PDB file of N, CA and C in Angstrom:
ATOM      1  N   MET A   1     -10.999  -7.356  -3.422  1.00  0.00           N
ATOM      2  CA  MET A   1     -10.070  -5.927  -3.197  1.00  0.00           C
ATOM      3  C   MET A   1     -10.969  -5.276  -2.040  1.00  0.00           C
ATOM      4  N   THR A   2     -10.053  -4.830  -1.130  1.00  0.00           N
ATOM      5  CA  THR A   2     -10.649  -4.105  -0.052  1.00  0.00           C
ATOM      6  C   THR A   2     -10.510  -2.599  -0.214  1.00  0.00           C
ATOM      7  N   SER A   3      -9.549  -1.968  -1.092  1.00  0.00           N
ATOM      8  CA  SER A   3      -9.390  -0.630  -1.133  1.00  0.00           C
ATOM      9  C   SER A   3      -8.519  -0.146  -2.577  1.00  0.00           C
ATOM     10  N   LEU A   4      -8.875   0.848  -3.190  1.00  0.00           N
ATOM     11  CA  LEU A   4      -8.356   1.224  -4.224  1.00  0.00           C
ATOM     12  C   LEU A   4      -8.014   2.699  -4.415  1.00  0.00           C
ATOM     13  N   ALA A   5      -6.744   3.086  -4.881  1.00  0.00           N
ATOM     14  CA  ALA A   5      -6.464   4.440  -4.952  1.00  0.00           C
ATOM     15  C   ALA A   5      -5.474   4.692  -6.192  1.00  0.00           C
ATOM     16  N   ALA A   6      -5.439   5.954  -6.802  1.00  0.00           N
ATOM     17  CA  ALA A   6      -4.690   6.213  -7.965  1.00  0.00           C
ATOM     18  C   ALA A   6      -3.679   7.280  -7.420  1.00  0.00           C
ATOM     19  N   ASP A   7      -2.391   7.048  -7.858  1.00  0.00           N
ATOM     20  CA  ASP A   7      -1.504   8.289  -7.279  1.00  0.00           C
ATOM     21  C   ASP A   7      -1.285   9.295  -8.635  1.00  0.00           C
ATOM     22  N   GLY A   8      -0.369  10.249  -8.302  1.00  0.00           N
ATOM     23  CA  GLY A   8      -0.047  11.086  -9.344  1.00  0.00           C
ATOM     24  C   GLY A   8       0.515  10.917 -10.670  1.00  0.00           C
ATOM     25  N   GLN A   9       1.080   9.588 -10.820  1.00  0.00           N
ATOM     26  CA  GLN A   9       1.675   9.166 -11.840  1.00  0.00           C
ATOM     27  C   GLN A   9       0.667   8.220 -12.852  1.00  0.00           C
ATOM     28  N   GLY A  10      -0.452   8.117 -12.130  1.00  0.00           N
ATOM     29  CA  GLY A  10      -1.639   7.315 -12.780  1.00  0.00           C
ATOM     30  C   GLY A  10      -1.547   5.882 -12.447  1.00  0.00           C
ATOM     31  N   PHE A  11      -0.484   5.434 -11.363  1.00  0.00           N
ATOM     32  CA  PHE A  11      -0.435   4.199 -10.934  1.00  0.00           C
ATOM     33  C   PHE A  11      -1.584   3.828 -10.040  1.00  0.00           C
ATOM     34  N   VAL A  12      -2.404   2.507 -10.151  1.00  0.00           N
ATOM     35  CA  VAL A  12      -3.150   2.225  -9.367  1.00  0.00           C
ATOM     36  C   VAL A  12      -2.812   1.408  -8.204  1.00  0.00           C
ATOM     37  N   TRP A  13      -3.110   1.599  -6.919  1.00  0.00           N
ATOM     38  CA  TRP A  13      -2.606   0.811  -5.802  1.00  0.00           C
ATOM     39  C   TRP A  13      -4.099   0.187  -5.258  1.00  0.00           C
ATOM     40  N   ILE A  14      -3.839  -1.184  -5.110  1.00  0.00           N
ATOM     41  CA  ILE A  14      -5.042  -2.055  -4.741  1.00  0.00           C
ATOM     42  C   ILE A  14      -4.686  -2.895  -3.483  1.00  0.00           C
ATOM     43  N   GLY A  15      -5.508  -2.624  -2.662  1.00  0.00           N
ATOM     44  CA  GLY A  15      -5.361  -3.353  -1.340  1.00  0.00           C
ATOM     45  C   GLY A  15      -6.511  -4.555  -1.221  1.00  0.00           C
ATOM     46  N   THR A  16      -5.762  -5.727  -0.781  1.00  0.00           N
ATOM     47  CA  THR A  16      -6.534  -6.945  -0.792  1.00  0.00           C
ATOM     48  C   THR A  16      -6.346  -7.822   0.441  1.00  0.00           C
ATOM     49  N   LYS A  17      -7.090  -8.853   0.634  1.00  0.00           N
ATOM     50  CA  LYS A  17      -6.946  -9.535   1.853  1.00  0.00           C
ATOM     51  C   LYS A  17      -5.691 -10.204   1.942  1.00  0.00           C
ATOM     52  N   SER A  18      -4.858 -10.455   0.818  1.00  0.00           N
ATOM     53  CA  SER A  18      -3.787 -11.000   0.769  1.00  0.00           C
ATOM     54  C   SER A  18      -2.346 -10.010   0.395  1.00  0.00           C
ATOM     55  N   GLY A  19      -2.577  -8.705   0.530  1.00  0.00           N
ATOM     56  CA  GLY A  19      -1.505  -7.847   0.286  1.00  0.00           C
ATOM     57  C   GLY A  19      -1.823  -6.584  -0.517  1.00  0.00           C
ATOM     58  N   LEU A  20      -0.907  -5.956  -0.939  1.00  0.00           N
ATOM     59  CA  LEU A  20      -0.991  -4.662  -1.611  1.00  0.00           C
ATOM     60  C   LEU A  20      -0.444  -4.844  -3.054  1.00  0.00           C
ATOM     61  N   ASN A  21      -1.142  -4.519  -4.124  1.00  0.00           N
ATOM     62  CA  ASN A  21      -0.758  -4.530  -5.481  1.00  0.00           C
ATOM     63  C   ASN A  21      -0.764  -3.070  -6.064  1.00  0.00           C
ATOM     64  N   LEU A  22       0.173  -2.995  -7.182  1.00  0.00           N
ATOM     65  CA  LEU A  22       0.395  -2.082  -7.781  1.00  0.00           C
ATOM     66  C   LEU A  22       0.323  -2.206  -9.442  1.00  0.00           C
ATOM     67  N   ALA A  23      -0.566  -1.551  -9.955  1.00  0.00           N
ATOM     68  CA  ALA A  23      -0.716  -1.525 -11.479  1.00  0.00           C
ATOM     69  C   ALA A  23      -0.280  -0.303 -11.951  1.00  0.00           C
ATOM     70  N   THR A  24       0.932  -0.472 -12.801  1.00  0.00           N
ATOM     71  CA  THR A  24       1.556   0.853 -13.565  1.00  0.00           C
ATOM     72  C   THR A  24       1.219   0.896 -14.908  1.00  0.00           C
ATOM     73  N   GLY A  25       0.352  -0.042 -15.590  1.00  0.00           N
ATOM     74  CA  GLY A  25       0.054   0.199 -17.002  1.00  0.00           C
ATOM     75  C   GLY A  25       0.905  -0.698 -17.787  1.00  0.00           C
ATOM     76  N   LYS A  26       2.180  -0.970 -17.316  1.00  0.00           N
ATOM     77  CA  LYS A  26       3.027  -1.904 -17.917  1.00  0.00           C
ATOM     78  C   LYS A  26       3.446  -3.064 -17.116  1.00  0.00           C
ATOM     79  N   GLU A  27       3.099  -3.012 -15.848  1.00  0.00           N
ATOM     80  CA  GLU A  27       3.431  -4.329 -15.052  1.00  0.00           C
ATOM     81  C   GLU A  27       2.647  -4.223 -13.702  1.00  0.00           C
ATOM     82  N   PHE A  28       2.468  -5.422 -13.086  1.00  0.00           N
ATOM     83  CA  PHE A  28       1.780  -5.536 -11.869  1.00  0.00           C
ATOM     84  C   PHE A  28       2.433  -6.071 -10.937  1.00  0.00           C
ATOM     85  N   LYS A  29       2.365  -5.345  -9.923  1.00  0.00           N
ATOM     86  CA  LYS A  29       3.519  -5.781  -8.695  1.00  0.00           C
ATOM     87  C   LYS A  29       2.698  -6.097  -7.415  1.00  0.00           C
ATOM     88  N   SER A  30       3.249  -7.107  -6.698  1.00  0.00           N
ATOM     89  CA  SER A  30       2.478  -7.502  -5.423  1.00  0.00           C
ATOM     90  C   SER A  30       3.396  -7.185  -4.274  1.00  0.00           C
ATOM     91  N   PHE A  31       2.867  -6.853  -3.162  1.00  0.00           N
ATOM     92  CA  PHE A  31       3.754  -6.574  -1.888  1.00  0.00           C
ATOM     93  C   PHE A  31       3.088  -7.265  -0.832  1.00  0.00           C
ATOM     94  N   THR A  32       3.861  -7.998   0.120  1.00  0.00           N
ATOM     95  CA  THR A  32       3.436  -8.451   1.195  1.00  0.00           C
ATOM     96  C   THR A  32       4.114  -8.155   2.481  1.00  0.00           C
ATOM     97  N   ALA A  33       4.012  -9.024   3.460  1.00  0.00           N
ATOM     98  CA  ALA A  33       4.808  -8.802   4.881  1.00  0.00           C
ATOM     99  C   ALA A  33       6.206  -9.008   4.447  1.00  0.00           C
ATOM    100  N   ARG A  34       6.779  -9.545   3.515  1.00  0.00           N
ATOM    101  CA  ARG A  34       8.171  -9.705   3.141  1.00  0.00           C
ATOM    102  C   ARG A  34       8.508  -8.121   2.680  1.00  0.00           C
ATOM    103  N   ASP A  35       7.757  -7.382   2.268  1.00  0.00           N
ATOM    104  CA  ASP A  35       8.160  -5.990   1.795  1.00  0.00           C
ATOM    105  C   ASP A  35       8.044  -5.021   2.728  1.00  0.00           C
ATOM    106  N   GLY A  36       7.609  -5.480   3.979  1.00  0.00           N
ATOM    107  CA  GLY A  36       7.376  -4.592   5.016  1.00  0.00           C
ATOM    108  C   GLY A  36       5.831  -4.281   5.612  1.00  0.00           C
ATOM    109  N   LEU A  37       4.999  -4.795   5.037  1.00  0.00           N
ATOM    110  CA  LEU A  37       3.455  -4.592   5.428  1.00  0.00           C
ATOM    111  C   LEU A  37       3.364  -5.258   6.844  1.00  0.00           C
ATOM    112  N   PRO A  38       2.529  -4.557   7.654  1.00  0.00           N
ATOM    113  CA  PRO A  38       2.557  -4.942   9.193  1.00  0.00           C
ATOM    114  C   PRO A  38       1.574  -6.235   9.206  1.00  0.00           C
ATOM    115  N   ASP A  39       0.804  -6.365   8.050  1.00  0.00           N
ATOM    116  CA  ASP A  39      -0.096  -7.575   8.009  1.00  0.00           C
ATOM    117  C   ASP A  39      -0.502  -7.978   6.689  1.00  0.00           C
ATOM    118  N   LYS A  40      -0.721  -9.023   6.048  1.00  0.00           N
ATOM    119  CA  LYS A  40      -1.071  -9.232   4.749  1.00  0.00           C
ATOM    120  C   LYS A  40      -2.332  -8.432   4.214  1.00  0.00           C
ATOM    121  N   GLN A  41      -3.273  -8.549   5.286  1.00  0.00           N
ATOM    122  CA  GLN A  41      -4.614  -8.133   4.793  1.00  0.00           C
ATOM    123  C   GLN A  41      -4.755  -6.471   4.829  1.00  0.00           C
ATOM    124  N   VAL A  42      -4.860  -6.050   3.788  1.00  0.00           N
ATOM    125  CA  VAL A  42      -4.836  -4.586   3.696  1.00  0.00           C
ATOM    126  C   VAL A  42      -6.303  -4.006   3.628  1.00  0.00           C
ATOM    127  N   SER A  43      -6.432  -3.012   4.603  1.00  0.00           N
ATOM    128  CA  SER A  43      -7.720  -2.443   4.889  1.00  0.00           C
ATOM    129  C   SER A  43      -8.215  -1.060   4.128  1.00  0.00           C
ATOM    130  N   GLY A  44      -7.165  -0.509   3.828  1.00  0.00           N
ATOM    131  CA  GLY A  44      -7.119   0.938   3.221  1.00  0.00           C
ATOM    132  C   GLY A  44      -5.927   1.386   2.498  1.00  0.00           C
ATOM    133  N   VAL A  45      -6.068   2.034   1.416  1.00  0.00           N
ATOM    134  CA  VAL A  45      -4.836   2.788   0.838  1.00  0.00           C
ATOM    135  C   VAL A  45      -5.291   4.244   0.566  1.00  0.00           C
ATOM    136  N   HIS A  46      -4.283   5.051   0.750  1.00  0.00           N
ATOM    137  CA  HIS A  46      -4.557   6.524   0.693  1.00  0.00           C
ATOM    138  C   HIS A  46      -3.348   7.182   0.182  1.00  0.00           C
ATOM    139  N   VAL A  47      -3.522   8.089  -0.804  1.00  0.00           N
ATOM    140  CA  VAL A  47      -2.424   8.645  -1.561  1.00  0.00           C
ATOM    141  C   VAL A  47      -2.607  10.198  -1.008  1.00  0.00           C
ATOM    142  N   ALA A  48      -1.514  10.636  -0.305  1.00  0.00           N
ATOM    143  CA  ALA A  48      -1.681  12.022   0.318  1.00  0.00           C
ATOM    144  C   ALA A  48      -1.318  12.931  -0.869  1.00  0.00           C
ATOM    145  N   ARG A  49      -1.647  14.209  -0.594  1.00  0.00           N
ATOM    146  CA  ARG A  49      -1.225  15.152  -1.561  1.00  0.00           C
ATOM    147  C   ARG A  49       0.234  15.456  -1.873  1.00  0.00           C
ATOM    148  N   SER A  50       1.073  14.932  -0.826  1.00  0.00           N
ATOM    149  CA  SER A  50       2.447  14.852  -0.877  1.00  0.00           C
ATOM    150  C   SER A  50       2.840  13.897  -1.964  1.00  0.00           C
ATOM    151  N   GLY A  51       1.996  12.820  -2.196  1.00  0.00           N
ATOM    152  CA  GLY A  51       2.382  11.610  -2.972  1.00  0.00           C
ATOM    153  C   GLY A  51       2.859  10.493  -2.305  1.00  0.00           C
ATOM    154  N   THR A  52       2.857  10.562  -0.850  1.00  0.00           N
ATOM    155  CA  THR A  52       3.129   9.443   0.103  1.00  0.00           C
ATOM    156  C   THR A  52       1.906   8.582   0.106  1.00  0.00           C
ATOM    157  N   ILE A  53       2.052   7.263  -0.001  1.00  0.00           N
ATOM    158  CA  ILE A  53       1.164   6.266   0.002  1.00  0.00           C
ATOM    159  C   ILE A  53       1.069   5.706   1.214  1.00  0.00           C
ATOM    160  N   TRP A  54      -0.182   5.615   2.049  1.00  0.00           N
ATOM    161  CA  TRP A  54      -0.508   5.351   3.305  1.00  0.00           C
ATOM    162  C   TRP A  54      -1.329   4.086   3.254  1.00  0.00           C
ATOM    163  N   ILE A  55      -0.958   2.974   3.876  1.00  0.00           N
ATOM    164  CA  ILE A  55      -1.740   1.848   3.867  1.00  0.00           C
ATOM    165  C   ILE A  55      -2.046   1.401   5.275  1.00  0.00           C
ATOM    166  N   THR A  56      -3.296   0.946   5.482  1.00  0.00           N
ATOM    167  CA  THR A  56      -3.765   0.429   6.712  1.00  0.00           C
ATOM    168  C   THR A  56      -3.861  -1.210   6.662  1.00  0.00           C
ATOM    169  N   THR A  57      -3.508  -1.902   7.556  1.00  0.00           N
ATOM    170  CA  THR A  57      -3.747  -3.118   7.670  1.00  0.00           C
ATOM    171  C   THR A  57      -4.259  -3.626   9.067  1.00  0.00           C
ATOM    172  N   ARG A  58      -4.537  -4.867   9.410  1.00  0.00           N
ATOM    173  CA  ARG A  58      -5.001  -5.398  10.609  1.00  0.00           C
ATOM    174  C   ARG A  58      -3.994  -5.239  11.676  1.00  0.00           C
ATOM    175  N   GLY A  59      -2.694  -5.201  11.093  1.00  0.00           N
ATOM    176  CA  GLY A  59      -1.501  -4.923  11.977  1.00  0.00           C
ATOM    177  C   GLY A  59      -0.948  -3.731  12.407  1.00  0.00           C
ATOM    178  N   GLY A  60      -1.524  -2.673  11.538  1.00  0.00           N
ATOM    179  CA  GLY A  60      -1.167  -1.429  11.846  1.00  0.00           C
ATOM    180  C   GLY A  60      -1.166  -0.645  10.298  1.00  0.00           C
ATOM    181  N   MET A  61      -0.521   0.646  10.596  1.00  0.00           N
ATOM    182  CA  MET A  61      -0.456   1.511   9.370  1.00  0.00           C
ATOM    183  C   MET A  61       1.025   1.477   8.906  1.00  0.00           C
ATOM    184  N   CYS A  62       1.261   1.669   7.694  1.00  0.00           N
ATOM    185  CA  CYS A  62       2.634   1.865   7.128  1.00  0.00           C
ATOM    186  C   CYS A  62       2.614   3.058   5.979  1.00  0.00           C
ATOM    187  N   GLN A  63       3.792   3.430   5.763  1.00  0.00           N
ATOM    188  CA  GLN A  63       4.021   4.273   4.604  1.00  0.00           C
ATOM    189  C   GLN A  63       4.814   3.447   3.597  1.00  0.00           C
ATOM    190  N   PHE A  64       4.499   3.774   2.343  1.00  0.00           N
ATOM    191  CA  PHE A  64       5.141   2.982   1.312  1.00  0.00           C
ATOM    192  C   PHE A  64       5.976   4.009   0.501  1.00  0.00           C
ATOM    193  N   ALA A  65       7.383   3.655   0.290  1.00  0.00           N
ATOM    194  CA  ALA A  65       8.223   4.377  -0.481  1.00  0.00           C
ATOM    195  C   ALA A  65       9.447   3.517  -1.086  1.00  0.00           C
ATOM    196  N   GLY A  66       9.642   3.704  -2.158  1.00  0.00           N
ATOM    197  CA  GLY A  66      11.021   3.013  -2.828  1.00  0.00           C
ATOM    198  C   GLY A  66      10.722   1.631  -2.637  1.00  0.00           C
ATOM    199  N   GLY A  67       9.567   0.917  -3.057  1.00  0.00           N
ATOM    200  CA  GLY A  67       9.539  -0.313  -3.031  1.00  0.00           C
ATOM    201  C   GLY A  67       9.384  -1.107  -1.540  1.00  0.00           C
ATOM    202  N   GLN A  68       9.199  -0.375  -0.505  1.00  0.00           N
ATOM    203  CA  GLN A  68       9.407  -1.071   0.697  1.00  0.00           C
ATOM    204  C   GLN A  68       8.153  -0.352   1.644  1.00  0.00           C
ATOM    205  N   ALA A  69       7.568  -1.027   2.418  1.00  0.00           N
ATOM    206  CA  ALA A  69       6.641  -0.424   3.388  1.00  0.00           C
ATOM    207  C   ALA A  69       7.370  -0.219   4.850  1.00  0.00           C
ATOM    208  N   ARG A  70       7.135   1.085   5.315  1.00  0.00           N
ATOM    209  CA  ARG A  70       7.770   1.205   6.607  1.00  0.00           C
ATOM    210  C   ARG A  70       6.487   1.402   7.732  1.00  0.00           C
ATOM    211  N   HIS A  71       6.581   0.492   8.739  1.00  0.00           N
ATOM    212  CA  HIS A  71       5.668   0.553   9.686  1.00  0.00           C
ATOM    213  C   HIS A  71       5.644   1.846  10.447  1.00  0.00           C
ATOM    214  N   VAL A  72       4.452   2.349  10.749  1.00  0.00           N
ATOM    215  CA  VAL A  72       4.384   3.856  11.514  1.00  0.00           C
ATOM    216  C   VAL A  72       3.754   3.300  12.822  1.00  0.00           C
ATOM    217  N   VAL A  73       4.241   3.738  13.636  1.00  0.00           N
ATOM    218  CA  VAL A  73       3.679   3.522  15.190  1.00  0.00           C
ATOM    219  C   VAL A  73       3.028   4.884  15.572  1.00  0.00           C
ATOM    220  N   VAL A  74       1.860   4.881  15.831  1.00  0.00           N
ATOM    221  CA  VAL A  74       1.040   6.060  16.400  1.00  0.00           C
ATOM    222  C   VAL A  74       0.636   5.842  17.843  1.00  0.00           C
ATOM    223  N   GLU A  75       1.153   6.747  18.491  1.00  0.00           N
ATOM    224  CA  GLU A  75       0.781   6.439  20.061  1.00  0.00           C
ATOM    225  C   GLU A  75      -0.127   7.606  20.532  1.00  0.00           C
TER     226      GLU A  75
END
């Protein structure tokens, strides 16, 4: 595990060297580059006050919503 964050619904987001995991209390889901992560190695997970899930990886940063990660380019 590389990072850990809880959202407003009580779900736990877990960053690992092989992707992003979500524990809802009823199920455990895994997300990888197939789901839009810029890289499989997650270095950080942050839940903003707005509820937005932000993920940092070796390949960049992304925003997670609706079961998909959207790569965010910061210039």
